[in-house]
Structure formats: C-alpha cells, structure tokens
C-alpha cells in the first residue's frame, strides 16, 4: 500500500513538473520566434536592394546570420524541452538539460564580457546592413526595458533548467521504485491440494445423546488430522 501511494505521488509530481516545463518553454518561444522574425526581416530588406547570396552571409551579413542562428538554436532547444516534458524520460531530459546549461553558461560569459570590456563594440566586425547600429541605439534608448526583458528571459531559462533537473531526478526515483516492486515474494499454491474432509453422518447415539462421530471430527480439525492421510470413514466397520 505504501509503495502504491509513493508511486502515485511521484506520478503526480512528474505530471505537474512536466506541465510547468512545457509552459515555460511556450513562454520562451516568443523570444526565439522574435529573433527569427527579426533576422528574416533584415535579410529580406537587404535582398530588396541587393543580390543576396549564401556566400555573402559571412562575414558581410554576420549580424542577421548570428541572430538567426541564435533564434534557430533557441527554438530547437525549446522543442527538445517540450518533447522531453511530454515523453518524460531520462534520456530526453538529458538531451535538453546539457545544451540548456551550455547556453546559459555562454550567456553568462557574454554578459560578463560586455560588462568588463568597455570597448567591446570595436571588437565586432563591420555589418554591411547597418542594423547593428540601429539595434544598439534601440538598446541605449530603452536600456531599462531591455535589462528587465533580459533578466526575465534568463530567469525563465534558469527555472526551466531547474525543473528539468528535478523532473529527471523524479523519473529516476520512479524507475528505481518500480524495479524494487518486482522483488516481492510470490506465494505459490501447492501442486497437491489437500482433500476436504468428508462429511460424516451420525450413526450412533449413546444414552446421553452424545455422538462419537461428531466428537472425532472436531478432534481431527483441532489437531490437524483432517487431511487425506488421517481421514477414515466412520461407516466402515473395520475403522478403529
């Protein structure tokens, strides 16, 4: 009973954690799709005035290419997280947690580099589209809003990674619990079932109204002598 209750509680916990992970992945999808749409808008605008070739993406059009690559990777990561929460297996959760952790470490390293290096703009290559300058001016004019948006995205990513790690631990605990349930003791029935005691009919009654056959039947049931090895027919005249 305790095993069933613990297994049921782990199942409900996995369902709740999976739902929260899918909800966070859905919320983060807005940022990923926005990055893809922004990069596609830059490339389409460039293609209207210039001939767009694949060899021109790098290094001339590195900024929209980088934005599109980041958005595409983010979308694939969120899709992996959604599928991992839906399938709810340890292998799928590993495929999500490892890239998510790597992406968060890269974002933290990039944020630290931007804070420590005051001349990081000079280290960037030239962008022929000119959208990098527009993007930087937008960040400068809406600095507070961009900070809160970046903090919200990073917090959502950290919370998703934390939920995925807890969900993976829950799945591992549930699998160990199911394995331990298989080690129960099997109670097997004997191949030879003892025969039921025969029904004895009263044959004689003494002067006090006492029936010896009923008394002997009670004694056999009391001392365990009502098996096939000890049964005898009271109607047999040769029986003791």
C-alpha atoms as a PDB file:
ATOM      1  CA  UNK A   1       0.000   0.000   0.000  1.00  0.00           C
ATOM      2  CA  UNK A   2       2.833   2.383   0.839  1.00  0.00           C
ATOM      3  CA  UNK A   3       4.557   1.527  -2.431  1.00  0.00           C
ATOM      4  CA  UNK A   4       1.439   2.323  -4.412  1.00  0.00           C
ATOM      5  CA  UNK A   5       0.978   5.632  -2.615  1.00  0.00           C
ATOM      6  CA  UNK A   6       4.607   6.674  -3.190  1.00  0.00           C
ATOM      7  CA  UNK A   7       4.411   5.623  -6.837  1.00  0.00           C
ATOM      8  CA  UNK A   8       1.202   7.624  -7.296  1.00  0.00           C
ATOM      9  CA  UNK A   9       2.702  10.720  -5.650  1.00  0.00           C
ATOM     10  CA  UNK A  10       5.756  10.506  -7.901  1.00  0.00           C
ATOM     11  CA  UNK A  11       3.490  10.228 -10.924  1.00  0.00           C
ATOM     12  CA  UNK A  12       1.511  13.335  -9.942  1.00  0.00           C
ATOM     13  CA  UNK A  13       4.740  15.244  -9.262  1.00  0.00           C
ATOM     14  CA  UNK A  14       6.103  14.287 -12.686  1.00  0.00           C
ATOM     15  CA  UNK A  15       2.890  15.450 -14.365  1.00  0.00           C
ATOM     16  CA  UNK A  16       2.968  18.822 -12.590  1.00  0.00           C
ATOM     17  CA  UNK A  17       6.653  19.390 -13.313  1.00  0.00           C
ATOM     18  CA  UNK A  18       6.169  18.415 -16.950  1.00  0.00           C
ATOM     19  CA  UNK A  19       3.282  20.852 -17.297  1.00  0.00           C
ATOM     20  CA  UNK A  20       5.323  23.708 -15.808  1.00  0.00           C
ATOM     21  CA  UNK A  21       8.277  22.900 -18.059  1.00  0.00           C
ATOM     22  CA  UNK A  22       6.069  22.951 -21.159  1.00  0.00           C
ATOM     23  CA  UNK A  23       4.511  26.235 -20.034  1.00  0.00           C
ATOM     24  CA  UNK A  24       7.921  27.866 -19.603  1.00  0.00           C
ATOM     25  CA  UNK A  25       9.028  26.543 -22.990  1.00  0.00           C
ATOM     26  CA  UNK A  26       5.928  28.085 -24.548  1.00  0.00           C
ATOM     27  CA  UNK A  27       6.680  31.454 -22.940  1.00  0.00           C
ATOM     28  CA  UNK A  28      10.291  31.401 -24.103  1.00  0.00           C
ATOM     29  CA  UNK A  29       9.172  30.562 -27.627  1.00  0.00           C
ATOM     30  CA  UNK A  30       8.086  34.182 -28.081  1.00  0.00           C
ATOM     31  CA  UNK A  31      11.682  35.373 -27.715  1.00  0.00           C
ATOM     32  CA  UNK A  32      13.037  32.679 -30.038  1.00  0.00           C
ATOM     33  CA  UNK A  33      10.458  33.327 -32.748  1.00  0.00           C
ATOM     34  CA  UNK A  34      11.005  37.082 -32.398  1.00  0.00           C
ATOM     35  CA  UNK A  35      14.723  36.601 -33.060  1.00  0.00           C
ATOM     36  CA  UNK A  36      13.965  34.525 -36.159  1.00  0.00           C
ATOM     37  CA  UNK A  37      11.481  37.081 -37.478  1.00  0.00           C
ATOM     38  CA  UNK A  38      13.901  39.945 -36.849  1.00  0.00           C
ATOM     39  CA  UNK A  39      16.709  38.199 -38.724  1.00  0.00           C
ATOM     40  CA  UNK A  40      14.372  37.278 -41.577  1.00  0.00           C
ATOM     41  CA  UNK A  41      13.209  40.912 -41.805  1.00  0.00           C
ATOM     42  CA  UNK A  42      16.802  42.152 -42.033  1.00  0.00           C
ATOM     43  CA  UNK A  43      17.681  39.664 -44.763  1.00  0.00           C
ATOM     44  CA  UNK A  44      14.517  40.375 -46.732  1.00  0.00           C
ATOM     45  CA  UNK A  45      15.166  44.105 -46.541  1.00  0.00           C
ATOM     46  CA  UNK A  46      18.702  43.564 -47.730  1.00  0.00           C
ATOM     47  CA  UNK A  47      17.534  41.307 -50.549  1.00  0.00           C
ATOM     48  CA  UNK A  48      15.193  44.012 -51.893  1.00  0.00           C
ATOM     49  CA  UNK A  49      18.116  46.345 -52.606  1.00  0.00           C
ATOM     50  CA  UNK A  50      20.962  43.917 -53.165  1.00  0.00           C
ATOM     51  CA  UNK A  51      21.553  40.472 -54.560  1.00  0.00           C
ATOM     52  CA  UNK A  52      21.520  38.053 -51.659  1.00  0.00           C
ATOM     53  CA  UNK A  53      23.827  35.059 -51.960  1.00  0.00           C
ATOM     54  CA  UNK A  54      24.753  32.457 -49.406  1.00  0.00           C
ATOM     55  CA  UNK A  55      28.431  33.367 -49.605  1.00  0.00           C
ATOM     56  CA  UNK A  56      27.513  36.946 -48.599  1.00  0.00           C
ATOM     57  CA  UNK A  57      26.100  35.890 -45.229  1.00  0.00           C
ATOM     58  CA  UNK A  58      29.528  35.505 -43.687  1.00  0.00           C
ATOM     59  CA  UNK A  59      31.300  37.755 -42.965  1.00  0.00           C
ATOM     60  CA  UNK A  60      29.410  40.642 -44.591  1.00  0.00           C
ATOM     61  CA  UNK A  61      25.967  39.838 -43.150  1.00  0.00           C
ATOM     62  CA  UNK A  62      27.206  38.320 -39.920  1.00  0.00           C
ATOM     63  CA  UNK A  63      24.755  40.152 -37.649  1.00  0.00           C
ATOM     64  CA  UNK A  64      21.473  38.806 -39.121  1.00  0.00           C
ATOM     65  CA  UNK A  65      23.136  35.429 -39.584  1.00  0.00           C
ATOM     66  CA  UNK A  66      24.129  35.339 -35.914  1.00  0.00           C
ATOM     67  CA  UNK A  67      20.652  36.420 -34.807  1.00  0.00           C
ATOM     68  CA  UNK A  68      19.020  33.775 -36.998  1.00  0.00           C
ATOM     69  CA  UNK A  69      21.404  31.063 -35.780  1.00  0.00           C
ATOM     70  CA  UNK A  70      20.734  32.013 -32.152  1.00  0.00           C
ATOM     71  CA  UNK A  71      16.977  32.047 -32.704  1.00  0.00           C
ATOM     72  CA  UNK A  72      17.033  28.722 -34.543  1.00  0.00           C
ATOM     73  CA  UNK A  73      19.118  27.086 -31.809  1.00  0.00           C
ATOM     74  CA  UNK A  74      16.808  28.504 -29.161  1.00  0.00           C
ATOM     75  CA  UNK A  75      13.739  27.141 -30.986  1.00  0.00           C
ATOM     76  CA  UNK A  76      15.279  23.686 -31.299  1.00  0.00           C
ATOM     77  CA  UNK A  77      16.228  23.742 -27.629  1.00  0.00           C
ATOM     78  CA  UNK A  78      12.712  24.693 -26.592  1.00  0.00           C
ATOM     79  CA  UNK A  79      11.280  21.980 -28.823  1.00  0.00           C
ATOM     80  CA  UNK A  80      13.591  19.458 -27.175  1.00  0.00           C
ATOM     81  CA  UNK A  81      12.454  20.650 -23.754  1.00  0.00           C
ATOM     82  CA  UNK A  82       8.796  20.385 -24.715  1.00  0.00           C
ATOM     83  CA  UNK A  83       9.259  16.855 -26.084  1.00  0.00           C
ATOM     84  CA  UNK A  84      11.275  15.858 -23.018  1.00  0.00           C
ATOM     85  CA  UNK A  85       8.491  17.065 -20.738  1.00  0.00           C
ATOM     86  CA  UNK A  86       5.918  15.257 -22.865  1.00  0.00           C
ATOM     87  CA  UNK A  87       7.780  11.945 -23.177  1.00  0.00           C
ATOM     88  CA  UNK A  88       9.097  12.208 -19.603  1.00  0.00           C
ATOM     89  CA  UNK A  89      12.178  10.009 -19.928  1.00  0.00           C
ATOM     90  CA  UNK A  90      15.640  10.478 -18.516  1.00  0.00           C
ATOM     91  CA  UNK A  91      17.367  10.278 -21.901  1.00  0.00           C
ATOM     92  CA  UNK A  92      15.265  13.046 -23.454  1.00  0.00           C
ATOM     93  CA  UNK A  93      15.714  15.224 -20.388  1.00  0.00           C
ATOM     94  CA  UNK A  94      19.495  14.820 -20.679  1.00  0.00           C
ATOM     95  CA  UNK A  95      19.329  15.979 -24.309  1.00  0.00           C
ATOM     96  CA  UNK A  96      17.629  19.137 -23.043  1.00  0.00           C
ATOM     97  CA  UNK A  97      19.498  19.903 -19.823  1.00  0.00           C
ATOM     98  CA  UNK A  98      23.024  19.667 -21.262  1.00  0.00           C
ATOM     99  CA  UNK A  99      22.522  22.178 -24.157  1.00  0.00           C
ATOM    100  CA  UNK A 100      20.426  24.416 -21.910  1.00  0.00           C
ATOM    101  CA  UNK A 101      23.195  24.540 -19.320  1.00  0.00           C
ATOM    102  CA  UNK A 102      25.784  25.231 -22.026  1.00  0.00           C
ATOM    103  CA  UNK A 103      23.657  28.072 -23.440  1.00  0.00           C
ATOM    104  CA  UNK A 104      23.209  29.649 -20.022  1.00  0.00           C
ATOM    105  CA  UNK A 105      26.950  29.491 -19.349  1.00  0.00           C
ATOM    106  CA  UNK A 106      27.617  31.111 -22.719  1.00  0.00           C
ATOM    107  CA  UNK A 107      25.110  33.866 -21.984  1.00  0.00           C
ATOM    108  CA  UNK A 108      26.660  34.496 -18.573  1.00  0.00           C
ATOM    109  CA  UNK A 109      30.153  34.658 -20.095  1.00  0.00           C
ATOM    110  CA  UNK A 110      28.938  37.046 -22.795  1.00  0.00           C
ATOM    111  CA  UNK A 111      27.234  39.298 -20.227  1.00  0.00           C
ATOM    112  CA  UNK A 112      30.394  39.346 -18.107  1.00  0.00           C
ATOM    113  CA  UNK A 113      32.489  40.239 -21.159  1.00  0.00           C
ATOM    114  CA  UNK A 114      30.176  43.123 -22.062  1.00  0.00           C
ATOM    115  CA  UNK A 115      30.299  44.456 -18.511  1.00  0.00           C
ATOM    116  CA  UNK A 116      34.068  44.184 -18.114  1.00  0.00           C
ATOM    117  CA  UNK A 117      35.090  45.289 -21.586  1.00  0.00           C
ATOM    118  CA  UNK A 118      34.025  48.855 -22.274  1.00  0.00           C
ATOM    119  CA  UNK A 119      35.281  48.776 -25.867  1.00  0.00           C
ATOM    120  CA  UNK A 120      33.563  45.624 -26.982  1.00  0.00           C
ATOM    121  CA  UNK A 121      31.880  47.407 -29.898  1.00  0.00           C
ATOM    122  CA  UNK A 122      35.255  47.956 -31.534  1.00  0.00           C
ATOM    123  CA  UNK A 123      35.928  44.203 -31.446  1.00  0.00           C
ATOM    124  CA  UNK A 124      32.917  43.462 -33.638  1.00  0.00           C
ATOM    125  CA  UNK A 125      33.325  43.215 -37.424  1.00  0.00           C
ATOM    126  CA  UNK A 126      31.662  45.649 -39.750  1.00  0.00           C
ATOM    127  CA  UNK A 127      27.979  44.998 -40.534  1.00  0.00           C
ATOM    128  CA  UNK A 128      27.020  45.981 -44.064  1.00  0.00           C
ATOM    129  CA  UNK A 129      23.314  46.022 -43.304  1.00  0.00           C
ATOM    130  CA  UNK A 130      23.640  48.793 -40.738  1.00  0.00           C
ATOM    131  CA  UNK A 131      21.103  47.099 -38.475  1.00  0.00           C
ATOM    132  CA  UNK A 132      23.664  46.611 -35.734  1.00  0.00           C
ATOM    133  CA  UNK A 133      23.865  50.356 -35.145  1.00  0.00           C
ATOM    134  CA  UNK A 134      20.082  50.595 -35.119  1.00  0.00           C
ATOM    135  CA  UNK A 135      19.882  47.743 -32.647  1.00  0.00           C
ATOM    136  CA  UNK A 136      22.461  49.320 -30.347  1.00  0.00           C
ATOM    137  CA  UNK A 137      20.673  52.673 -30.460  1.00  0.00           C
ATOM    138  CA  UNK A 138      17.408  50.935 -29.567  1.00  0.00           C
ATOM    139  CA  UNK A 139      19.104  49.263 -26.599  1.00  0.00           C
ATOM    140  CA  UNK A 140      20.550  52.593 -25.485  1.00  0.00           C
ATOM    141  CA  UNK A 141      17.193  54.389 -25.694  1.00  0.00           C
ATOM    142  CA  UNK A 142      15.321  51.590 -23.890  1.00  0.00           C
ATOM    143  CA  UNK A 143      18.006  50.388 -21.538  1.00  0.00           C
ATOM    144  CA  UNK A 144      15.796  49.742 -18.522  1.00  0.00           C
ATOM    145  CA  UNK A 145      13.214  47.817 -20.536  1.00  0.00           C
ATOM    146  CA  UNK A 146      15.907  45.719 -22.208  1.00  0.00           C
ATOM    147  CA  UNK A 147      17.507  44.918 -18.855  1.00  0.00           C
ATOM    148  CA  UNK A 148      14.235  43.686 -17.407  1.00  0.00           C
ATOM    149  CA  UNK A 149      13.494  41.673 -20.545  1.00  0.00           C
ATOM    150  CA  UNK A 150      16.939  40.045 -20.487  1.00  0.00           C
ATOM    151  CA  UNK A 151      16.601  39.316 -16.768  1.00  0.00           C
ATOM    152  CA  UNK A 152      13.160  37.758 -17.305  1.00  0.00           C
ATOM    153  CA  UNK A 153      14.443  35.551 -20.137  1.00  0.00           C
ATOM    154  CA  UNK A 154      17.469  34.420 -18.144  1.00  0.00           C
ATOM    155  CA  UNK A 155      15.332  33.707 -15.075  1.00  0.00           C
ATOM    156  CA  UNK A 156      12.898  31.686 -17.172  1.00  0.00           C
ATOM    157  CA  UNK A 157      15.767  29.705 -18.644  1.00  0.00           C
ATOM    158  CA  UNK A 158      17.214  29.008 -15.199  1.00  0.00           C
ATOM    159  CA  UNK A 159      13.823  27.954 -13.867  1.00  0.00           C
ATOM    160  CA  UNK A 160      13.282  25.649 -16.851  1.00  0.00           C
ATOM    161  CA  UNK A 161      16.667  24.037 -16.300  1.00  0.00           C
ATOM    162  CA  UNK A 162      15.932  23.591 -12.604  1.00  0.00           C
ATOM    163  CA  UNK A 163      12.553  21.984 -13.320  1.00  0.00           C
ATOM    164  CA  UNK A 164      14.127  19.684 -15.907  1.00  0.00           C
ATOM    165  CA  UNK A 165      16.743  18.509 -13.386  1.00  0.00           C
ATOM    166  CA  UNK A 166      14.064  17.869 -10.747  1.00  0.00           C
ATOM    167  CA  UNK A 167      11.924  16.043 -13.290  1.00  0.00           C
ATOM    168  CA  UNK A 168      14.861  13.865 -14.286  1.00  0.00           C
ATOM    169  CA  UNK A 169      15.515  13.006 -10.628  1.00  0.00           C
ATOM    170  CA  UNK A 170      11.825  12.184 -10.192  1.00  0.00           C
ATOM    171  CA  UNK A 171      11.848   9.906 -13.225  1.00  0.00           C
ATOM    172  CA  UNK A 172      14.962   8.129 -11.923  1.00  0.00           C
ATOM    173  CA  UNK A 173      13.401   7.670  -8.478  1.00  0.00           C
ATOM    174  CA  UNK A 174      10.210   6.342 -10.012  1.00  0.00           C
ATOM    175  CA  UNK A 175      12.103   3.820 -12.157  1.00  0.00           C
ATOM    176  CA  UNK A 176      14.066   2.625  -9.108  1.00  0.00           C
ATOM    177  CA  UNK A 177      10.791   2.313  -7.187  1.00  0.00           C
ATOM    178  CA  UNK A 178       9.256   0.212  -9.944  1.00  0.00           C
ATOM    179  CA  UNK A 179      12.315  -2.028 -10.013  1.00  0.00           C
ATOM    180  CA  UNK A 180      12.073  -2.587  -6.274  1.00  0.00           C
ATOM    181  CA  UNK A 181       8.411  -3.516  -6.575  1.00  0.00           C
ATOM    182  CA  UNK A 182       9.397  -6.515  -8.675  1.00  0.00           C
ATOM    183  CA  UNK A 183      11.234  -8.072  -5.725  1.00  0.00           C
ATOM    184  CA  UNK A 184       8.086  -9.179  -3.940  1.00  0.00           C
ATOM    185  CA  UNK A 185       7.590 -12.653  -2.531  1.00  0.00           C
ATOM    186  CA  UNK A 186       5.374 -14.826  -4.683  1.00  0.00           C
ATOM    187  CA  UNK A 187       3.069 -17.050  -2.706  1.00  0.00           C
ATOM    188  CA  UNK A 188       2.519 -20.202  -4.688  1.00  0.00           C
ATOM    189  CA  UNK A 189      -0.132 -22.785  -4.140  1.00  0.00           C
ATOM    190  CA  UNK A 190       0.875 -26.408  -3.648  1.00  0.00           C
ATOM    191  CA  UNK A 191       0.522 -28.753  -6.561  1.00  0.00           C
ATOM    192  CA  UNK A 192      -1.386 -31.283  -4.474  1.00  0.00           C
ATOM    193  CA  UNK A 193      -4.323 -29.667  -2.749  1.00  0.00           C
ATOM    194  CA  UNK A 194      -5.371 -31.377   0.430  1.00  0.00           C
ATOM    195  CA  UNK A 195      -8.687 -33.069   0.102  1.00  0.00           C
ATOM    196  CA  UNK A 196     -11.579 -31.629   2.008  1.00  0.00           C
ATOM    197  CA  UNK A 197     -12.746 -33.698   4.958  1.00  0.00           C
ATOM    198  CA  UNK A 198     -15.629 -35.958   4.211  1.00  0.00           C
ATOM    199  CA  UNK A 199     -18.960 -35.297   5.673  1.00  0.00           C
ATOM    200  CA  UNK A 200     -19.767 -37.805   8.378  1.00  0.00           C
ATOM    201  CA  UNK A 201     -23.238 -38.888   9.117  1.00  0.00           C
ATOM    202  CA  UNK A 202     -24.165 -39.654  12.676  1.00  0.00           C
ATOM    203  CA  UNK A 203     -24.700 -43.362  13.113  1.00  0.00           C
ATOM    204  CA  UNK A 204     -24.835 -43.998  16.820  1.00  0.00           C
ATOM    205  CA  UNK A 205     -26.010 -42.047  19.777  1.00  0.00           C
ATOM    206  CA  UNK A 206     -25.258 -43.062  23.337  1.00  0.00           C
ATOM    207  CA  UNK A 207     -27.620 -42.789  26.229  1.00  0.00           C
ATOM    208  CA  UNK A 208     -26.640 -39.208  26.992  1.00  0.00           C
ATOM    209  CA  UNK A 209     -27.285 -38.076  23.394  1.00  0.00           C
ATOM    210  CA  UNK A 210     -23.553 -37.840  22.568  1.00  0.00           C
ATOM    211  CA  UNK A 211     -22.468 -38.594  19.012  1.00  0.00           C
ATOM    212  CA  UNK A 212     -18.943 -40.101  18.814  1.00  0.00           C
ATOM    213  CA  UNK A 213     -18.518 -39.341  15.082  1.00  0.00           C
ATOM    214  CA  UNK A 214     -19.042 -35.583  15.621  1.00  0.00           C
ATOM    215  CA  UNK A 215     -16.609 -35.571  18.511  1.00  0.00           C
ATOM    216  CA  UNK A 216     -13.927 -37.348  16.455  1.00  0.00           C
ATOM    217  CA  UNK A 217     -14.413 -34.898  13.601  1.00  0.00           C
ATOM    218  CA  UNK A 218     -13.867 -31.965  15.953  1.00  0.00           C
ATOM    219  CA  UNK A 219     -10.747 -33.544  17.365  1.00  0.00           C
ATOM    220  CA  UNK A 220      -9.304 -34.096  13.908  1.00  0.00           C
ATOM    221  CA  UNK A 221      -9.949 -30.464  12.976  1.00  0.00           C
ATOM    222  CA  UNK A 222      -8.432 -29.275  16.236  1.00  0.00           C
ATOM    223  CA  UNK A 223      -5.191 -31.256  15.971  1.00  0.00           C
ATOM    224  CA  UNK A 224      -4.810 -31.003  12.188  1.00  0.00           C
ATOM    225  CA  UNK A 225      -5.665 -34.603  11.461  1.00  0.00           C
ATOM    226  CA  UNK A 226      -8.324 -33.786   8.877  1.00  0.00           C
ATOM    227  CA  UNK A 227      -6.031 -34.440   5.869  1.00  0.00           C
ATOM    228  CA  UNK A 228      -6.262 -37.292   3.407  1.00  0.00           C
ATOM    229  CA  UNK A 229      -3.681 -39.299   5.356  1.00  0.00           C
ATOM    230  CA  UNK A 230      -5.758 -39.328   8.504  1.00  0.00           C
ATOM    231  CA  UNK A 231      -9.293 -39.454   7.227  1.00  0.00           C
ATOM    232  CA  UNK A 232     -11.347 -42.579   7.634  1.00  0.00           C
ATOM    233  CA  UNK A 233     -14.894 -43.483   7.111  1.00  0.00           C
ATOM    234  CA  UNK A 234     -16.966 -43.826  10.196  1.00  0.00           C
ATOM    235  CA  UNK A 235     -19.346 -46.052   8.295  1.00  0.00           C
ATOM    236  CA  UNK A 236     -16.563 -48.600   7.786  1.00  0.00           C
ATOM    237  CA  UNK A 237     -16.972 -51.326  10.477  1.00  0.00           C
ATOM    238  CA  UNK A 238     -13.237 -52.117  10.297  1.00  0.00           C
ATOM    239  CA  UNK A 239     -12.257 -48.482  11.127  1.00  0.00           C
ATOM    240  CA  UNK A 240     -10.699 -48.030  14.627  1.00  0.00           C
END
